[in-house]
Amino acid sequence: VHALSLPGKTAPKTSGEIIKETIFNILEEEKF
């Protein structure tokens, strides 16, 4: 089984929240 993009398939809610948190971290660090 070539299991690609598992977070998007099995846990999209958690994965989306991780994306959001990561982007917000960058925005805060860059002081936007």
PDB file of all heavy atoms in Angstrom:
ATOM      1  N   VAL A   1       0.865  -1.173   0.000  1.00  0.00           N
ATOM      2  CA  VAL A   1       0.000   0.000   0.000  1.00  0.00           C
ATOM      3  C   VAL A   1       0.903   1.225   0.000  1.00  0.00           C
ATOM      4  O   VAL A   1       1.714   1.393   0.919  1.00  0.00           O
ATOM      5  CB  VAL A   1      -0.910   0.051   1.239  1.00  0.00           C
ATOM      6  CG1 VAL A   1      -1.771   1.311   1.215  1.00  0.00           C
ATOM      7  CG2 VAL A   1      -1.785  -1.196   1.326  1.00  0.00           C
ATOM      8  N   HIS A   2       0.797   2.059  -1.037  1.00  0.00           N
ATOM      9  CA  HIS A   2       1.549   3.311  -1.046  1.00  0.00           C
ATOM     10  C   HIS A   2       0.630   4.371  -0.464  1.00  0.00           C
ATOM     11  O   HIS A   2      -0.252   4.900  -1.143  1.00  0.00           O
ATOM     12  CB  HIS A   2       2.001   3.684  -2.447  1.00  0.00           C
ATOM     13  CG  HIS A   2       3.113   4.693  -2.439  1.00  0.00           C
ATOM     14  ND1 HIS A   2       3.700   5.171  -3.597  1.00  0.00           N
ATOM     15  CD2 HIS A   2       3.754   5.320  -1.423  1.00  0.00           C
ATOM     16  CE1 HIS A   2       4.653   6.038  -3.279  1.00  0.00           C
ATOM     17  NE2 HIS A   2       4.691   6.149  -1.964  1.00  0.00           N
ATOM     18  N   ALA A   3       0.821   4.659   0.806  1.00  0.00           N
ATOM     19  CA  ALA A   3      -0.103   5.501   1.568  1.00  0.00           C
ATOM     20  C   ALA A   3       0.353   6.953   1.541  1.00  0.00           C
ATOM     21  O   ALA A   3       1.028   7.433   2.458  1.00  0.00           O
ATOM     22  CB  ALA A   3      -0.198   4.991   2.997  1.00  0.00           C
ATOM     23  N   LEU A   4      -0.024   7.673   0.496  1.00  0.00           N
ATOM     24  CA  LEU A   4       0.359   9.077   0.337  1.00  0.00           C
ATOM     25  C   LEU A   4      -0.670   9.999   0.992  1.00  0.00           C
ATOM     26  O   LEU A   4      -1.855   9.682   1.045  1.00  0.00           O
ATOM     27  CB  LEU A   4       0.491   9.416  -1.148  1.00  0.00           C
ATOM     28  CG  LEU A   4       1.554   8.651  -1.934  1.00  0.00           C
ATOM     29  CD1 LEU A   4       1.424   8.956  -3.421  1.00  0.00           C
ATOM     30  CD2 LEU A   4       2.940   9.008  -1.437  1.00  0.00           C
ATOM     31  N   SER A   5      -0.211  11.138   1.491  1.00  0.00           N
ATOM     32  CA  SER A   5      -1.087  12.187   2.038  1.00  0.00           C
ATOM     33  C   SER A   5      -2.042  11.655   3.102  1.00  0.00           C
ATOM     34  O   SER A   5      -3.220  12.031   3.133  1.00  0.00           O
ATOM     35  CB  SER A   5      -1.876  12.852   0.904  1.00  0.00           C
ATOM     36  OG  SER A   5      -1.027  13.436  -0.036  1.00  0.00           O
ATOM     37  N   LEU A   6      -1.549  10.805   3.975  1.00  0.00           N
ATOM     38  CA  LEU A   6      -2.415  10.214   4.990  1.00  0.00           C
ATOM     39  C   LEU A   6      -3.110  11.235   5.888  1.00  0.00           C
ATOM     40  O   LEU A   6      -4.287  11.068   6.210  1.00  0.00           O
ATOM     41  CB  LEU A   6      -1.627   9.225   5.858  1.00  0.00           C
ATOM     42  CG  LEU A   6      -1.525   7.799   5.318  1.00  0.00           C
ATOM     43  CD1 LEU A   6      -0.805   6.911   6.321  1.00  0.00           C
ATOM     44  CD2 LEU A   6      -2.900   7.232   5.026  1.00  0.00           C
ATOM     45  N   PRO A   7      -2.429  12.285   6.345  1.00  0.00           N
ATOM     46  CA  PRO A   7      -3.134  13.232   7.225  1.00  0.00           C
ATOM     47  C   PRO A   7      -4.395  13.804   6.584  1.00  0.00           C
ATOM     48  O   PRO A   7      -5.409  13.985   7.258  1.00  0.00           O
ATOM     49  CB  PRO A   7      -2.087  14.313   7.486  1.00  0.00           C
ATOM     50  CG  PRO A   7      -0.784  13.608   7.344  1.00  0.00           C
ATOM     51  CD  PRO A   7      -1.003  12.632   6.215  1.00  0.00           C
ATOM     52  N   GLY A   8      -4.336  14.087   5.291  1.00  0.00           N
ATOM     53  CA  GLY A   8      -5.495  14.638   4.600  1.00  0.00           C
ATOM     54  C   GLY A   8      -6.611  13.634   4.431  1.00  0.00           C
ATOM     55  O   GLY A   8      -7.780  14.009   4.313  1.00  0.00           O
ATOM     56  N   LYS A   9      -6.284  12.356   4.435  1.00  0.00           N
ATOM     57  CA  LYS A   9      -7.293  11.314   4.237  1.00  0.00           C
ATOM     58  C   LYS A   9      -7.901  10.831   5.547  1.00  0.00           C
ATOM     59  O   LYS A   9      -9.092  10.548   5.621  1.00  0.00           O
ATOM     60  CB  LYS A   9      -6.668  10.132   3.493  1.00  0.00           C
ATOM     61  CG  LYS A   9      -6.219  10.456   2.080  1.00  0.00           C
ATOM     62  CD  LYS A   9      -5.485   9.279   1.456  1.00  0.00           C
ATOM     63  CE  LYS A   9      -4.990   9.620   0.059  1.00  0.00           C
ATOM     64  NZ  LYS A   9      -4.180   8.520  -0.529  1.00  0.00           N
ATOM     65  N   THR A  10      -7.075  10.684   6.564  1.00  0.00           N
ATOM     66  CA  THR A  10      -7.544  10.073   7.805  1.00  0.00           C
ATOM     67  C   THR A  10      -7.842  11.068   8.917  1.00  0.00           C
ATOM     68  O   THR A  10      -8.598  10.750   9.833  1.00  0.00           O
ATOM     69  CB  THR A  10      -6.507   9.058   8.323  1.00  0.00           C
ATOM     70  OG1 THR A  10      -5.267   9.733   8.588  1.00  0.00           O
ATOM     71  CG2 THR A  10      -6.255   7.967   7.287  1.00  0.00           C
ATOM     72  N   ALA A  11      -7.251  12.251   8.869  1.00  0.00           N
ATOM     73  CA  ALA A  11      -7.470  13.234   9.933  1.00  0.00           C
ATOM     74  C   ALA A  11      -7.456  14.643   9.379  1.00  0.00           C
ATOM     75  O   ALA A  11      -6.627  15.475   9.777  1.00  0.00           O
ATOM     76  CB  ALA A  11      -6.408  13.063  11.022  1.00  0.00           C
ATOM     77  N   PRO A  12      -8.382  14.967   8.457  1.00  0.00           N
ATOM     78  CA  PRO A  12      -8.340  16.297   7.841  1.00  0.00           C
ATOM     79  C   PRO A  12      -8.558  17.431   8.829  1.00  0.00           C
ATOM     80  O   PRO A  12      -7.981  18.507   8.673  1.00  0.00           O
ATOM     81  CB  PRO A  12      -9.461  16.235   6.788  1.00  0.00           C
ATOM     82  CG  PRO A  12     -10.357  15.123   7.243  1.00  0.00           C
ATOM     83  CD  PRO A  12      -9.452  14.126   7.885  1.00  0.00           C
ATOM     84  N   LYS A  13      -9.381  17.221   9.849  1.00  0.00           N
ATOM     85  CA  LYS A  13      -9.633  18.281  10.830  1.00  0.00           C
ATOM     86  C   LYS A  13      -8.345  18.650  11.573  1.00  0.00           C
ATOM     87  O   LYS A  13      -7.970  19.823  11.650  1.00  0.00           O
ATOM     88  CB  LYS A  13     -10.700  17.842  11.832  1.00  0.00           C
ATOM     89  CG  LYS A  13     -11.029  18.899  12.898  1.00  0.00           C
ATOM     90  CD  LYS A  13     -12.112  18.409  13.837  1.00  0.00           C
ATOM     91  CE  LYS A  13     -12.489  19.474  14.867  1.00  0.00           C
ATOM     92  NZ  LYS A  13     -11.357  19.788  15.777  1.00  0.00           N
ATOM     93  N   THR A  14      -7.683  17.641  12.123  1.00  0.00           N
ATOM     94  CA  THR A  14      -6.436  17.894  12.846  1.00  0.00           C
ATOM     95  C   THR A  14      -5.377  18.478  11.924  1.00  0.00           C
ATOM     96  O   THR A  14      -4.667  19.424  12.291  1.00  0.00           O
ATOM     97  CB  THR A  14      -5.918  16.594  13.481  1.00  0.00           C
ATOM     98  OG1 THR A  14      -6.889  16.120  14.418  1.00  0.00           O
ATOM     99  CG2 THR A  14      -4.601  16.822  14.203  1.00  0.00           C
ATOM    100  N   SER A  15      -5.281  17.927  10.715  1.00  0.00           N
ATOM    101  CA  SER A  15      -4.271  18.401   9.768  1.00  0.00           C
ATOM    102  C   SER A  15      -4.509  19.853   9.375  1.00  0.00           C
ATOM    103  O   SER A  15      -3.567  20.636   9.259  1.00  0.00           O
ATOM    104  CB  SER A  15      -4.276  17.517   8.515  1.00  0.00           C
ATOM    105  OG  SER A  15      -3.974  16.186   8.855  1.00  0.00           O
ATOM    106  N   GLY A  16      -5.775  20.216   9.179  1.00  0.00           N
ATOM    107  CA  GLY A  16      -6.095  21.604   8.848  1.00  0.00           C
ATOM    108  C   GLY A  16      -5.756  22.550   9.985  1.00  0.00           C
ATOM    109  O   GLY A  16      -5.260  23.659   9.755  1.00  0.00           O
ATOM    110  N   GLU A  17      -6.017  22.106  11.210  1.00  0.00           N
ATOM    111  CA  GLU A  17      -5.693  22.940  12.372  1.00  0.00           C
ATOM    112  C   GLU A  17      -4.184  23.119  12.518  1.00  0.00           C
ATOM    113  O   GLU A  17      -3.715  24.187  12.931  1.00  0.00           O
ATOM    114  CB  GLU A  17      -6.293  22.320  13.625  1.00  0.00           C
ATOM    115  CG  GLU A  17      -7.828  22.412  13.650  1.00  0.00           C
ATOM    116  CD  GLU A  17      -8.453  21.570  14.746  1.00  0.00           C
ATOM    117  OE1 GLU A  17      -7.712  20.784  15.390  1.00  0.00           O
ATOM    118  OE2 GLU A  17      -9.680  21.697  14.953  1.00  0.00           O
ATOM    119  N   ILE A  18      -3.414  22.085  12.159  1.00  0.00           N
ATOM    120  CA  ILE A  18      -1.948  22.187  12.203  1.00  0.00           C
ATOM    121  C   ILE A  18      -1.465  23.208  11.177  1.00  0.00           C
ATOM    122  O   ILE A  18      -0.580  24.025  11.450  1.00  0.00           O
ATOM    123  CB  ILE A  18      -1.305  20.810  11.950  1.00  0.00           C
ATOM    124  CG1 ILE A  18      -1.603  19.858  13.110  1.00  0.00           C
ATOM    125  CG2 ILE A  18       0.203  20.947  11.750  1.00  0.00           C
ATOM    126  CD1 ILE A  18      -1.234  18.407  12.822  1.00  0.00           C
ATOM    127  N   ILE A  19      -2.046  23.178   9.981  1.00  0.00           N
ATOM    128  CA  ILE A  19      -1.693  24.145   8.936  1.00  0.00           C
ATOM    129  C   ILE A  19      -1.981  25.566   9.425  1.00  0.00           C
ATOM    130  O   ILE A  19      -1.154  26.473   9.292  1.00  0.00           O
ATOM    131  CB  ILE A  19      -2.461  23.850   7.632  1.00  0.00           C
ATOM    132  CG1 ILE A  19      -1.965  22.542   7.002  1.00  0.00           C
ATOM    133  CG2 ILE A  19      -2.304  25.010   6.634  1.00  0.00           C
ATOM    134  CD1 ILE A  19      -2.807  22.065   5.830  1.00  0.00           C
ATOM    135  N   LYS A  20      -3.162  25.757   9.998  1.00  0.00           N
ATOM    136  CA  LYS A  20      -3.544  27.081  10.515  1.00  0.00           C
ATOM    137  C   LYS A  20      -2.571  27.559  11.577  1.00  0.00           C
ATOM    138  O   LYS A  20      -2.087  28.702  11.544  1.00  0.00           O
ATOM    139  CB  LYS A  20      -4.972  27.027  11.038  1.00  0.00           C
ATOM    140  CG  LYS A  20      -5.439  28.311  11.731  1.00  0.00           C
ATOM    141  CD  LYS A  20      -5.371  28.169  13.241  1.00  0.00           C
ATOM    142  CE  LYS A  20      -5.812  29.423  13.965  1.00  0.00           C
ATOM    143  NZ  LYS A  20      -5.613  29.361  15.423  1.00  0.00           N
ATOM    144  N   GLU A  21      -2.261  26.709  12.541  1.00  0.00           N
ATOM    145  CA  GLU A  21      -1.369  27.099  13.629  1.00  0.00           C
ATOM    146  C   GLU A  21       0.020  27.444  13.107  1.00  0.00           C
ATOM    147  O   GLU A  21       0.651  28.408  13.566  1.00  0.00           O
ATOM    148  CB  GLU A  21      -1.283  25.972  14.660  1.00  0.00           C
ATOM    149  CG  GLU A  21      -2.510  25.828  15.532  1.00  0.00           C
ATOM    150  CD  GLU A  21      -2.777  27.058  16.386  1.00  0.00           C
ATOM    151  OE1 GLU A  21      -1.796  27.713  16.824  1.00  0.00           O
ATOM    152  OE2 GLU A  21      -3.958  27.390  16.600  1.00  0.00           O
ATOM    153  N   THR A  22       0.507  26.673  12.149  1.00  0.00           N
ATOM    154  CA  THR A  22       1.833  26.922  11.584  1.00  0.00           C
ATOM    155  C   THR A  22       1.875  28.273  10.874  1.00  0.00           C
ATOM    156  O   THR A  22       2.817  29.060  11.044  1.00  0.00           O
ATOM    157  CB  THR A  22       2.223  25.799  10.613  1.00  0.00           C
ATOM    158  OG1 THR A  22       2.182  24.542  11.295  1.00  0.00           O
ATOM    159  CG2 THR A  22       3.614  26.017  10.053  1.00  0.00           C
ATOM    160  N   ILE A  23       0.847  28.544  10.077  1.00  0.00           N
ATOM    161  CA  ILE A  23       0.792  29.821   9.357  1.00  0.00           C
ATOM    162  C   ILE A  23       0.680  30.993  10.326  1.00  0.00           C
ATOM    163  O   ILE A  23       1.354  32.025  10.165  1.00  0.00           O
ATOM    164  CB  ILE A  23      -0.381  29.813   8.356  1.00  0.00           C
ATOM    165  CG1 ILE A  23      -0.066  28.847   7.209  1.00  0.00           C
ATOM    166  CG2 ILE A  23      -0.663  31.221   7.825  1.00  0.00           C
ATOM    167  CD1 ILE A  23      -1.216  28.608   6.258  1.00  0.00           C
ATOM    168  N   PHE A  24      -0.118  30.850  11.362  1.00  0.00           N
ATOM    169  CA  PHE A  24      -0.256  31.919  12.348  1.00  0.00           C
ATOM    170  C   PHE A  24       1.060  32.147  13.088  1.00  0.00           C
ATOM    171  O   PHE A  24       1.399  33.296  13.423  1.00  0.00           O
ATOM    172  CB  PHE A  24      -1.383  31.597  13.330  1.00  0.00           C
ATOM    173  CG  PHE A  24      -2.746  32.056  12.867  1.00  0.00           C
ATOM    174  CD1 PHE A  24      -3.139  31.878  11.548  1.00  0.00           C
ATOM    175  CD2 PHE A  24      -3.628  32.655  13.731  1.00  0.00           C
ATOM    176  CE1 PHE A  24      -4.384  32.288  11.099  1.00  0.00           C
ATOM    177  CE2 PHE A  24      -4.884  33.082  13.308  1.00  0.00           C
ATOM    178  CZ  PHE A  24      -5.266  32.901  11.992  1.00  0.00           C
ATOM    179  N   ASN A  25       1.796  31.081  13.341  1.00  0.00           N
ATOM    180  CA  ASN A  25       3.111  31.229  13.980  1.00  0.00           C
ATOM    181  C   ASN A  25       4.045  32.079  13.120  1.00  0.00           C
ATOM    182  O   ASN A  25       4.760  32.950  13.616  1.00  0.00           O
ATOM    183  CB  ASN A  25       3.745  29.861  14.220  1.00  0.00           C
ATOM    184  CG  ASN A  25       3.076  29.092  15.341  1.00  0.00           C
ATOM    185  OD1 ASN A  25       2.314  29.650  16.128  1.00  0.00           O
ATOM    186  ND2 ASN A  25       3.356  27.803  15.418  1.00  0.00           N
ATOM    187  N   ILE A  26       4.034  31.807  11.815  1.00  0.00           N
ATOM    188  CA  ILE A  26       4.890  32.566  10.897  1.00  0.00           C
ATOM    189  C   ILE A  26       4.465  34.026  10.861  1.00  0.00           C
ATOM    190  O   ILE A  26       5.302  34.941  10.917  1.00  0.00           O
ATOM    191  CB  ILE A  26       4.851  31.954   9.481  1.00  0.00           C
ATOM    192  CG1 ILE A  26       5.413  30.528   9.488  1.00  0.00           C
ATOM    193  CG2 ILE A  26       5.643  32.819   8.496  1.00  0.00           C
ATOM    194  CD1 ILE A  26       5.214  29.776   8.181  1.00  0.00           C
ATOM    195  N   LEU A  27       3.171  34.270  10.782  1.00  0.00           N
ATOM    196  CA  LEU A  27       2.666  35.644  10.733  1.00  0.00           C
ATOM    197  C   LEU A  27       3.051  36.427  11.991  1.00  0.00           C
ATOM    198  O   LEU A  27       3.416  37.614  11.911  1.00  0.00           O
ATOM    199  CB  LEU A  27       1.141  35.630  10.569  1.00  0.00           C
ATOM    200  CG  LEU A  27       0.619  35.209   9.189  1.00  0.00           C
ATOM    201  CD1 LEU A  27      -0.893  34.993   9.236  1.00  0.00           C
ATOM    202  CD2 LEU A  27       0.982  36.223   8.125  1.00  0.00           C
ATOM    203  N   GLU A  28       2.978  35.771  13.135  1.00  0.00           N
ATOM    204  CA  GLU A  28       3.352  36.443  14.378  1.00  0.00           C
ATOM    205  C   GLU A  28       4.854  36.714  14.444  1.00  0.00           C
ATOM    206  O   GLU A  28       5.296  37.785  14.884  1.00  0.00           O
ATOM    207  CB  GLU A  28       2.905  35.584  15.564  1.00  0.00           C
ATOM    208  CG  GLU A  28       1.401  35.546  15.754  1.00  0.00           C
ATOM    209  CD  GLU A  28       0.962  34.602  16.845  1.00  0.00           C
ATOM    210  OE1 GLU A  28       1.848  34.041  17.544  1.00  0.00           O
ATOM    211  OE2 GLU A  28      -0.256  34.404  17.009  1.00  0.00           O
ATOM    212  N   GLU A  29       5.656  35.752  13.984  1.00  0.00           N
ATOM    213  CA  GLU A  29       7.099  35.936  13.977  1.00  0.00           C
ATOM    214  C   GLU A  29       7.527  37.051  13.039  1.00  0.00           C
ATOM    215  O   GLU A  29       8.462  37.800  13.325  1.00  0.00           O
ATOM    216  CB  GLU A  29       7.789  34.628  13.581  1.00  0.00           C
ATOM    217  CG  GLU A  29       7.696  33.540  14.628  1.00  0.00           C
ATOM    218  CD  GLU A  29       8.203  32.201  14.132  1.00  0.00           C
ATOM    219  OE1 GLU A  29       8.783  32.164  13.016  1.00  0.00           O
ATOM    220  OE2 GLU A  29       8.031  31.197  14.826  1.00  0.00           O
ATOM    221  N   GLU A  30       6.819  37.143  11.899  1.00  0.00           N
ATOM    222  CA  GLU A  30       7.146  38.194  10.931  1.00  0.00           C
ATOM    223  C   GLU A  30       6.482  39.533  11.256  1.00  0.00           C
ATOM    224  O   GLU A  30       6.645  40.505  10.517  1.00  0.00           O
ATOM    225  CB  GLU A  30       6.731  37.728   9.526  1.00  0.00           C
ATOM    226  CG  GLU A  30       7.472  36.498   9.018  1.00  0.00           C
ATOM    227  CD  GLU A  30       8.948  36.769   8.802  1.00  0.00           C
ATOM    228  OE1 GLU A  30       9.283  37.901   8.391  1.00  0.00           O
ATOM    229  OE2 GLU A  30       9.762  35.857   9.036  1.00  0.00           O
ATOM    230  N   LYS A  31       5.670  39.543  12.349  1.00  0.00           N
ATOM    231  CA  LYS A  31       5.047  40.759  12.876  1.00  0.00           C
ATOM    232  C   LYS A  31       4.091  41.417  11.872  1.00  0.00           C
ATOM    233  O   LYS A  31       4.091  42.646  11.682  1.00  0.00           O
ATOM    234  CB  LYS A  31       6.102  41.768  13.345  1.00  0.00           C
ATOM    235  CG  LYS A  31       7.039  41.190  14.414  1.00  0.00           C
ATOM    236  CD  LYS A  31       7.964  42.247  14.966  1.00  0.00           C
ATOM    237  CE  LYS A  31       8.971  41.648  15.930  1.00  0.00           C
ATOM    238  NZ  LYS A  31       8.386  40.843  17.013  1.00  0.00           N
ATOM    239  N   PHE A  32       3.265  40.606  11.224  1.00  0.00           N
ATOM    240  CA  PHE A  32       2.253  41.163  10.316  1.00  0.00           C
ATOM    241  C   PHE A  32       1.022  41.571  11.130  1.00  0.00           C
ATOM    242  O   PHE A  32       0.698  40.981  12.147  1.00  0.00           O
ATOM    243  CB  PHE A  32       1.865  40.125   9.262  1.00  0.00           C
ATOM    244  CG  PHE A  32       2.920  39.938   8.211  1.00  0.00           C
ATOM    245  CD1 PHE A  32       3.660  38.763   8.173  1.00  0.00           C
ATOM    246  CD2 PHE A  32       3.202  40.931   7.293  1.00  0.00           C
ATOM    247  CE1 PHE A  32       4.650  38.580   7.206  1.00  0.00           C
ATOM    248  CE2 PHE A  32       4.162  40.758   6.318  1.00  0.00           C
ATOM    249  CZ  PHE A  32       4.895  39.580   6.284  1.00  0.00           C
TER     250      PHE A  32
END
